[in-house]
């Protein structure tokens, strides 16, 4: 399926459109993930939960740092 090109869309408008869509998807999937908290349907340990949220927190911090224009901790400079 070819998506129609939005003509004369500014960079700011494009950012708002795409960022809104992606943010909504992230929130949706977090809500879906919360369904896994149902102990009557699933079995998990605190360790499992910690691993999940550590991974999410790590990726969230990395993404946020890109918006804040911070250099990655892995970059080398003199």
C-alpha atoms as a PDB file:
ATOM      1  CA  UNK A   1       0.000   0.000   0.000  1.00  0.00           C
ATOM      2  CA  UNK A   2       1.408   3.364  -1.004  1.00  0.00           C
ATOM      3  CA  UNK A   3       0.735   6.156   1.427  1.00  0.00           C
ATOM      4  CA  UNK A   4      -0.327   9.457  -0.145  1.00  0.00           C
ATOM      5  CA  UNK A   5       2.326  12.147   0.164  1.00  0.00           C
ATOM      6  CA  UNK A   6       1.192  15.115   2.211  1.00  0.00           C
ATOM      7  CA  UNK A   7       2.070  18.146   0.139  1.00  0.00           C
ATOM      8  CA  UNK A   8       3.513  21.314   1.587  1.00  0.00           C
ATOM      9  CA  UNK A   9       3.879  19.854   5.055  1.00  0.00           C
ATOM     10  CA  UNK A  10       6.437  21.701   7.165  1.00  0.00           C
ATOM     11  CA  UNK A  11       9.036  19.854   9.216  1.00  0.00           C
ATOM     12  CA  UNK A  12       7.201  20.908  12.382  1.00  0.00           C
ATOM     13  CA  UNK A  13       3.860  19.646  11.068  1.00  0.00           C
ATOM     14  CA  UNK A  14       5.439  16.369   9.965  1.00  0.00           C
ATOM     15  CA  UNK A  15       7.101  15.942  13.367  1.00  0.00           C
ATOM     16  CA  UNK A  16       3.839  16.580  15.212  1.00  0.00           C
ATOM     17  CA  UNK A  17       1.917  14.167  12.996  1.00  0.00           C
ATOM     18  CA  UNK A  18       4.432  11.342  13.209  1.00  0.00           C
ATOM     19  CA  UNK A  19       5.379  11.856  16.874  1.00  0.00           C
ATOM     20  CA  UNK A  20       1.697  11.855  17.845  1.00  0.00           C
ATOM     21  CA  UNK A  21       1.073   8.578  16.012  1.00  0.00           C
ATOM     22  CA  UNK A  22       4.140   6.910  17.490  1.00  0.00           C
ATOM     23  CA  UNK A  23       3.436   8.148  21.011  1.00  0.00           C
ATOM     24  CA  UNK A  24      -0.108   6.819  20.822  1.00  0.00           C
ATOM     25  CA  UNK A  25       1.245   3.426  19.713  1.00  0.00           C
ATOM     26  CA  UNK A  26       3.699   3.319  22.609  1.00  0.00           C
ATOM     27  CA  UNK A  27       0.964   4.169  25.120  1.00  0.00           C
ATOM     28  CA  UNK A  28      -1.315   1.552  23.564  1.00  0.00           C
ATOM     29  CA  UNK A  29       1.325  -1.165  23.826  1.00  0.00           C
ATOM     30  CA  UNK A  30       2.133  -0.220  27.423  1.00  0.00           C
ATOM     31  CA  UNK A  31      -1.552  -0.671  28.241  1.00  0.00           C
ATOM     32  CA  UNK A  32      -1.488  -4.041  26.485  1.00  0.00           C
ATOM     33  CA  UNK A  33       1.635  -4.993  28.456  1.00  0.00           C
ATOM     34  CA  UNK A  34      -0.200  -4.175  31.681  1.00  0.00           C
ATOM     35  CA  UNK A  35      -2.629  -6.995  30.860  1.00  0.00           C
ATOM     36  CA  UNK A  36       0.233  -9.359  31.652  1.00  0.00           C
ATOM     37  CA  UNK A  37      -0.007  -8.265  35.296  1.00  0.00           C
ATOM     38  CA  UNK A  38      -3.108 -10.458  35.671  1.00  0.00           C
ATOM     39  CA  UNK A  39      -1.876 -13.171  38.076  1.00  0.00           C
ATOM     40  CA  UNK A  40      -4.866 -15.403  37.319  1.00  0.00           C
ATOM     41  CA  UNK A  41      -3.798 -15.600  33.659  1.00  0.00           C
ATOM     42  CA  UNK A  42      -0.001 -15.388  33.931  1.00  0.00           C
ATOM     43  CA  UNK A  43       2.796 -16.491  36.210  1.00  0.00           C
ATOM     44  CA  UNK A  44       5.866 -14.286  36.637  1.00  0.00           C
ATOM     45  CA  UNK A  45       8.472 -13.326  39.192  1.00  0.00           C
ATOM     46  CA  UNK A  46       9.583  -9.955  40.481  1.00  0.00           C
ATOM     47  CA  UNK A  47      12.816 -10.592  38.612  1.00  0.00           C
ATOM     48  CA  UNK A  48      10.873 -10.910  35.342  1.00  0.00           C
ATOM     49  CA  UNK A  49       9.082  -7.630  35.988  1.00  0.00           C
ATOM     50  CA  UNK A  50      12.341  -5.894  36.889  1.00  0.00           C
ATOM     51  CA  UNK A  51      13.941  -7.073  33.630  1.00  0.00           C
ATOM     52  CA  UNK A  52      10.997  -5.766  31.600  1.00  0.00           C
ATOM     53  CA  UNK A  53      10.999  -2.332  33.189  1.00  0.00           C
ATOM     54  CA  UNK A  54      14.782  -2.030  33.184  1.00  0.00           C
ATOM     55  CA  UNK A  55      14.722  -2.578  29.414  1.00  0.00           C
ATOM     56  CA  UNK A  56      11.916  -0.048  28.957  1.00  0.00           C
ATOM     57  CA  UNK A  57      13.624   2.508  31.241  1.00  0.00           C
ATOM     58  CA  UNK A  58      16.941   2.102  29.415  1.00  0.00           C
ATOM     59  CA  UNK A  59      15.379   2.684  26.008  1.00  0.00           C
ATOM     60  CA  UNK A  60      13.298   5.595  27.300  1.00  0.00           C
ATOM     61  CA  UNK A  61      16.390   7.317  28.732  1.00  0.00           C
ATOM     62  CA  UNK A  62      18.291   6.779  25.486  1.00  0.00           C
ATOM     63  CA  UNK A  63      15.462   8.215  23.419  1.00  0.00           C
ATOM     64  CA  UNK A  64      14.986  11.170  25.766  1.00  0.00           C
ATOM     65  CA  UNK A  65      18.704  11.969  25.620  1.00  0.00           C
ATOM     66  CA  UNK A  66      18.478  12.227  21.832  1.00  0.00           C
ATOM     67  CA  UNK A  67      15.840  14.935  22.195  1.00  0.00           C
ATOM     68  CA  UNK A  68      17.988  16.738  24.740  1.00  0.00           C
ATOM     69  CA  UNK A  69      21.009  16.643  22.412  1.00  0.00           C
ATOM     70  CA  UNK A  70      23.178  14.955  25.011  1.00  0.00           C
ATOM     71  CA  UNK A  71      26.143  12.977  23.806  1.00  0.00           C
ATOM     72  CA  UNK A  72      25.974   9.257  24.319  1.00  0.00           C
ATOM     73  CA  UNK A  73      28.007   7.995  27.260  1.00  0.00           C
ATOM     74  CA  UNK A  74      29.798   5.675  24.837  1.00  0.00           C
ATOM     75  CA  UNK A  75      31.209   8.517  22.724  1.00  0.00           C
ATOM     76  CA  UNK A  76      34.872   9.301  22.997  1.00  0.00           C
ATOM     77  CA  UNK A  77      36.239  12.818  22.858  1.00  0.00           C
ATOM     78  CA  UNK A  78      39.519  14.513  23.727  1.00  0.00           C
END
